[in-house]
Amino acid sequence: MAQAPVSTHEHSWLTESHHATSEGTIRYVQCPECGARRVDLQRHPDAPPVAASREVGVRSR
């Protein structure tokens, strides 16, 4: 079965919600352009968040 072509773009992740854990802040983020979602971990307030999950829920354009 052939896979559909994937359109790529630079995600602009927006935080939908977040909460503190012993590891840092967990952020539930979504890209408003394609609808992709993922979970990020921000270990320190001055550090950038890093992906803690893979992207899911990308809508086709």
PDB file of N, CA and C in Angstrom:
ATOM      1  N   MET A   1       0.844  -1.169   0.000  1.00  0.00           N
ATOM      2  CA  MET A   1       0.000   0.000   0.000  1.00  0.00           C
ATOM      3  C   MET A   1       0.897   1.241   0.000  1.00  0.00           C
ATOM      4  N   ALA A   2       0.645   2.139  -0.909  1.00  0.00           N
ATOM      5  CA  ALA A   2       1.430   3.368  -1.013  1.00  0.00           C
ATOM      6  C   ALA A   2       1.036   4.344   0.087  1.00  0.00           C
ATOM      7  N   GLN A   3       2.036   5.028   0.605  1.00  0.00           N
ATOM      8  CA  GLN A   3       1.771   6.032   1.629  1.00  0.00           C
ATOM      9  C   GLN A   3       1.496   7.374   0.971  1.00  0.00           C
ATOM     10  N   ALA A   4       0.620   8.135   1.602  1.00  0.00           N
ATOM     11  CA  ALA A   4       0.312   9.476   1.106  1.00  0.00           C
ATOM     12  C   ALA A   4       1.532  10.364   1.288  1.00  0.00           C
ATOM     13  N   PRO A   5       1.786  11.283   0.366  1.00  0.00           N
ATOM     14  CA  PRO A   5       2.911  12.197   0.534  1.00  0.00           C
ATOM     15  C   PRO A   5       2.714  13.067   1.772  1.00  0.00           C
ATOM     16  N   VAL A   6       3.812  13.350   2.418  1.00  0.00           N
ATOM     17  CA  VAL A   6       3.765  14.159   3.632  1.00  0.00           C
ATOM     18  C   VAL A   6       4.196  15.576   3.303  1.00  0.00           C
ATOM     19  N   SER A   7       3.391  16.528   3.694  1.00  0.00           N
ATOM     20  CA  SER A   7       3.727  17.933   3.523  1.00  0.00           C
ATOM     21  C   SER A   7       4.428  18.394   4.796  1.00  0.00           C
ATOM     22  N   THR A   8       5.603  18.980   4.665  1.00  0.00           N
ATOM     23  CA  THR A   8       6.338  19.404   5.851  1.00  0.00           C
ATOM     24  C   THR A   8       6.312  20.922   5.982  1.00  0.00           C
ATOM     25  N   HIS A   9       6.390  21.364   7.203  1.00  0.00           N
ATOM     26  CA  HIS A   9       6.491  22.790   7.496  1.00  0.00           C
ATOM     27  C   HIS A   9       7.097  22.945   8.882  1.00  0.00           C
ATOM     28  N   GLU A  10       7.484  24.145   9.216  1.00  0.00           N
ATOM     29  CA  GLU A  10       8.006  24.443  10.549  1.00  0.00           C
ATOM     30  C   GLU A  10       6.813  24.610  11.479  1.00  0.00           C
ATOM     31  N   HIS A  11       6.697  23.734  12.472  1.00  0.00           N
ATOM     32  CA  HIS A  11       5.591  23.836  13.416  1.00  0.00           C
ATOM     33  C   HIS A  11       5.748  25.084  14.285  1.00  0.00           C
ATOM     34  N   SER A  12       4.648  25.686  14.620  1.00  0.00           N
ATOM     35  CA  SER A  12       4.648  26.799  15.577  1.00  0.00           C
ATOM     36  C   SER A  12       3.836  26.322  16.781  1.00  0.00           C
ATOM     37  N   TRP A  13       4.505  25.584  17.666  1.00  0.00           N
ATOM     38  CA  TRP A  13       3.832  24.939  18.791  1.00  0.00           C
ATOM     39  C   TRP A  13       3.248  25.960  19.757  1.00  0.00           C
ATOM     40  N   LEU A  14       1.973  25.786  20.086  1.00  0.00           N
ATOM     41  CA  LEU A  14       1.288  26.607  21.082  1.00  0.00           C
ATOM     42  C   LEU A  14       0.897  25.705  22.245  1.00  0.00           C
ATOM     43  N   THR A  15       1.136  26.171  23.466  1.00  0.00           N
ATOM     44  CA  THR A  15       0.799  25.380  24.650  1.00  0.00           C
ATOM     45  C   THR A  15      -0.699  25.441  24.897  1.00  0.00           C
ATOM     46  N   GLU A  16      -1.337  24.251  24.936  1.00  0.00           N
ATOM     47  CA  GLU A  16      -2.763  24.156  25.256  1.00  0.00           C
ATOM     48  C   GLU A  16      -2.965  24.071  26.761  1.00  0.00           C
ATOM     49  N   SER A  17      -2.084  23.340  27.440  1.00  0.00           N
ATOM     50  CA  SER A  17      -2.127  23.248  28.900  1.00  0.00           C
ATOM     51  C   SER A  17      -0.764  22.771  29.388  1.00  0.00           C
ATOM     52  N   HIS A  18      -0.534  22.915  30.677  1.00  0.00           N
ATOM     53  CA  HIS A  18       0.742  22.488  31.264  1.00  0.00           C
ATOM     54  C   HIS A  18       0.563  22.213  32.749  1.00  0.00           C
ATOM     55  N   HIS A  19       1.480  21.419  33.298  1.00  0.00           N
ATOM     56  CA  HIS A  19       1.492  21.185  34.740  1.00  0.00           C
ATOM     57  C   HIS A  19       2.903  20.805  35.185  1.00  0.00           C
ATOM     58  N   ALA A  20       3.183  21.083  36.451  1.00  0.00           N
ATOM     59  CA  ALA A  20       4.498  20.797  37.023  1.00  0.00           C
ATOM     60  C   ALA A  20       4.597  19.333  37.430  1.00  0.00           C
ATOM     61  N   THR A  21       5.789  18.757  37.222  1.00  0.00           N
ATOM     62  CA  THR A  21       6.101  17.405  37.679  1.00  0.00           C
ATOM     63  C   THR A  21       7.469  17.453  38.353  1.00  0.00           C
ATOM     64  N   SER A  22       7.903  16.329  38.895  1.00  0.00           N
ATOM     65  CA  SER A  22       9.223  16.279  39.525  1.00  0.00           C
ATOM     66  C   SER A  22      10.347  16.433  38.498  1.00  0.00           C
ATOM     67  N   GLU A  23      10.068  16.183  37.225  1.00  0.00           N
ATOM     68  CA  GLU A  23      11.063  16.305  36.152  1.00  0.00           C
ATOM     69  C   GLU A  23      11.100  17.698  35.531  1.00  0.00           C
ATOM     70  N   GLY A  24      10.077  18.495  35.765  1.00  0.00           N
ATOM     71  CA  GLY A  24       9.958  19.810  35.144  1.00  0.00           C
ATOM     72  C   GLY A  24       8.510  20.062  34.776  1.00  0.00           C
ATOM     73  N   THR A  25       8.284  20.936  33.814  1.00  0.00           N
ATOM     74  CA  THR A  25       6.927  21.260  33.378  1.00  0.00           C
ATOM     75  C   THR A  25       6.580  20.469  32.124  1.00  0.00           C
ATOM     76  N   ILE A  26       5.469  19.754  32.180  1.00  0.00           N
ATOM     77  CA  ILE A  26       4.943  19.043  31.017  1.00  0.00           C
ATOM     78  C   ILE A  26       4.026  20.005  30.280  1.00  0.00           C
ATOM     79  N   ARG A  27       4.241  20.129  28.971  1.00  0.00           N
ATOM     80  CA  ARG A  27       3.420  21.012  28.140  1.00  0.00           C
ATOM     81  C   ARG A  27       2.727  20.184  27.062  1.00  0.00           C
ATOM     82  N   TYR A  28       1.423  20.372  26.938  1.00  0.00           N
ATOM     83  CA  TYR A  28       0.643  19.741  25.879  1.00  0.00           C
ATOM     84  C   TYR A  28       0.501  20.794  24.794  1.00  0.00           C
ATOM     85  N   VAL A  29       1.123  20.554  23.651  1.00  0.00           N
ATOM     86  CA  VAL A  29       1.219  21.579  22.614  1.00  0.00           C
ATOM     87  C   VAL A  29       0.541  21.133  21.327  1.00  0.00           C
ATOM     88  N   GLN A  30       0.129  22.129  20.527  1.00  0.00           N
ATOM     89  CA  GLN A  30      -0.505  21.864  19.237  1.00  0.00           C
ATOM     90  C   GLN A  30       0.005  22.866  18.217  1.00  0.00           C
ATOM     91  N   CYS A  31       0.178  22.405  16.984  1.00  0.00           N
ATOM     92  CA  CYS A  31       0.505  23.284  15.863  1.00  0.00           C
ATOM     93  C   CYS A  31      -0.811  23.736  15.239  1.00  0.00           C
ATOM     94  N   PRO A  32      -1.111  25.031  15.251  1.00  0.00           N
ATOM     95  CA  PRO A  32      -2.385  25.502  14.703  1.00  0.00           C
ATOM     96  C   PRO A  32      -2.496  25.340  13.185  1.00  0.00           C
ATOM     97  N   GLU A  33      -1.369  25.233  12.492  1.00  0.00           N
ATOM     98  CA  GLU A  33      -1.420  25.117  11.030  1.00  0.00           C
ATOM     99  C   GLU A  33      -1.859  23.726  10.569  1.00  0.00           C
ATOM    100  N   CYS A  34      -1.305  22.674  11.194  1.00  0.00           N
ATOM    101  CA  CYS A  34      -1.601  21.316  10.715  1.00  0.00           C
ATOM    102  C   CYS A  34      -2.373  20.467  11.722  1.00  0.00           C
ATOM    103  N   GLY A  35      -2.539  20.971  12.952  1.00  0.00           N
ATOM    104  CA  GLY A  35      -3.297  20.236  13.952  1.00  0.00           C
ATOM    105  C   GLY A  35      -2.502  19.197  14.716  1.00  0.00           C
ATOM    106  N   ALA A  36      -1.208  19.046  14.410  1.00  0.00           N
ATOM    107  CA  ALA A  36      -0.379  18.068  15.114  1.00  0.00           C
ATOM    108  C   ALA A  36      -0.310  18.423  16.595  1.00  0.00           C
ATOM    109  N   ARG A  37      -0.220  17.381  17.401  1.00  0.00           N
ATOM    110  CA  ARG A  37      -0.074  17.570  18.844  1.00  0.00           C
ATOM    111  C   ARG A  37       1.108  16.751  19.327  1.00  0.00           C
ATOM    112  N   ARG A  38       1.699  17.162  20.441  1.00  0.00           N
ATOM    113  CA  ARG A  38       2.735  16.383  21.097  1.00  0.00           C
ATOM    114  C   ARG A  38       2.840  16.847  22.541  1.00  0.00           C
ATOM    115  N   VAL A  39       3.626  16.128  23.307  1.00  0.00           N
ATOM    116  CA  VAL A  39       3.890  16.469  24.700  1.00  0.00           C
ATOM    117  C   VAL A  39       5.347  16.900  24.782  1.00  0.00           C
ATOM    118  N   ASP A  40       5.596  18.037  25.405  1.00  0.00           N
ATOM    119  CA  ASP A  40       6.949  18.549  25.600  1.00  0.00           C
ATOM    120  C   ASP A  40       7.286  18.572  27.081  1.00  0.00           C
ATOM    121  N   LEU A  41       8.580  18.480  27.373  1.00  0.00           N
ATOM    122  CA  LEU A  41       9.074  18.608  28.742  1.00  0.00           C
ATOM    123  C   LEU A  41      10.017  19.792  28.804  1.00  0.00           C
ATOM    124  N   GLN A  42       9.760  20.692  29.732  1.00  0.00           N
ATOM    125  CA  GLN A  42      10.636  21.838  29.969  1.00  0.00           C
ATOM    126  C   GLN A  42      11.246  21.645  31.348  1.00  0.00           C
ATOM    127  N   ARG A  43      12.523  21.252  31.393  1.00  0.00           N
ATOM    128  CA  ARG A  43      13.174  20.893  32.663  1.00  0.00           C
ATOM    129  C   ARG A  43      13.462  22.101  33.553  1.00  0.00           C
ATOM    130  N   HIS A  44      13.639  23.273  32.970  1.00  0.00           N
ATOM    131  CA  HIS A  44      13.949  24.487  33.739  1.00  0.00           C
ATOM    132  C   HIS A  44      13.239  25.653  33.062  1.00  0.00           C
ATOM    133  N   PRO A  45      12.755  26.630  33.833  1.00  0.00           N
ATOM    134  CA  PRO A  45      12.026  27.759  33.233  1.00  0.00           C
ATOM    135  C   PRO A  45      12.808  28.517  32.155  1.00  0.00           C
ATOM    136  N   ASP A  46      14.149  28.526  32.256  1.00  0.00           N
ATOM    137  CA  ASP A  46      14.964  29.238  31.266  1.00  0.00           C
ATOM    138  C   ASP A  46      15.381  28.358  30.091  1.00  0.00           C
ATOM    139  N   ALA A  47      15.065  27.076  30.144  1.00  0.00           N
ATOM    140  CA  ALA A  47      15.445  26.141  29.078  1.00  0.00           C
ATOM    141  C   ALA A  47      14.289  25.967  28.097  1.00  0.00           C
ATOM    142  N   PRO A  48      14.602  25.731  26.832  1.00  0.00           N
ATOM    143  CA  PRO A  48      13.521  25.473  25.870  1.00  0.00           C
ATOM    144  C   PRO A  48      12.917  24.090  26.117  1.00  0.00           C
ATOM    145  N   PRO A  49      11.641  23.916  25.833  1.00  0.00           N
ATOM    146  CA  PRO A  49      11.037  22.589  25.968  1.00  0.00           C
ATOM    147  C   PRO A  49      11.587  21.639  24.902  1.00  0.00           C
ATOM    148  N   VAL A  50      11.589  20.348  25.223  1.00  0.00           N
ATOM    149  CA  VAL A  50      11.995  19.321  24.266  1.00  0.00           C
ATOM    150  C   VAL A  50      10.853  18.319  24.115  1.00  0.00           C
ATOM    151  N   ALA A  51      10.751  17.728  22.951  1.00  0.00           N
ATOM    152  CA  ALA A  51       9.684  16.759  22.691  1.00  0.00           C
ATOM    153  C   ALA A  51       9.838  15.555  23.611  1.00  0.00           C
ATOM    154  N   ALA A  52       8.743  15.188  24.271  1.00  0.00           N
ATOM    155  CA  ALA A  52       8.712  13.996  25.120  1.00  0.00           C
ATOM    156  C   ALA A  52       7.839  12.920  24.486  1.00  0.00           C
ATOM    157  N   SER A  53       7.254  13.225  23.330  1.00  0.00           N
ATOM    158  CA  SER A  53       6.432  12.261  22.598  1.00  0.00           C
ATOM    159  C   SER A  53       6.601  12.527  21.108  1.00  0.00           C
ATOM    160  N   ARG A  54       6.051  11.650  20.315  1.00  0.00           N
ATOM    161  CA  ARG A  54       6.054  11.892  18.872  1.00  0.00           C
ATOM    162  C   ARG A  54       4.822  12.718  18.515  1.00  0.00           C
ATOM    163  N   GLU A  55       4.811  13.268  17.327  1.00  0.00           N
ATOM    164  CA  GLU A  55       3.661  14.047  16.851  1.00  0.00           C
ATOM    165  C   GLU A  55       2.518  13.105  16.501  1.00  0.00           C
ATOM    166  N   VAL A  56       1.313  13.507  16.851  1.00  0.00           N
ATOM    167  CA  VAL A  56       0.117  12.730  16.509  1.00  0.00           C
ATOM    168  C   VAL A  56      -0.959  13.676  15.997  1.00  0.00           C
ATOM    169  N   GLY A  57      -1.899  13.125  15.245  1.00  0.00           N
ATOM    170  CA  GLY A  57      -3.077  13.882  14.835  1.00  0.00           C
ATOM    171  C   GLY A  57      -2.875  14.913  13.762  1.00  0.00           C
ATOM    172  N   VAL A  58      -1.924  14.721  12.873  1.00  0.00           N
ATOM    173  CA  VAL A  58      -1.710  15.686  11.787  1.00  0.00           C
ATOM    174  C   VAL A  58      -2.866  15.582  10.804  1.00  0.00           C
ATOM    175  N   ARG A  59      -3.527  16.712  10.530  1.00  0.00           N
ATOM    176  CA  ARG A  59      -4.608  16.686   9.539  1.00  0.00           C
ATOM    177  C   ARG A  59      -4.019  16.954   8.160  1.00  0.00           C
ATOM    178  N   SER A  60      -4.617  16.356   7.175  1.00  0.00           N
ATOM    179  CA  SER A  60      -4.145  16.576   5.805  1.00  0.00           C
ATOM    180  C   SER A  60      -4.630  17.929   5.314  1.00  0.00           C
ATOM    181  N   ARG A  61      -3.857  18.517   4.430  1.00  0.00           N
ATOM    182  CA  ARG A  61      -4.196  19.848   3.921  1.00  0.00           C
ATOM    183  C   ARG A  61      -4.897  19.767   2.617  1.00  0.00           C
TER     184      ARG A  61
END
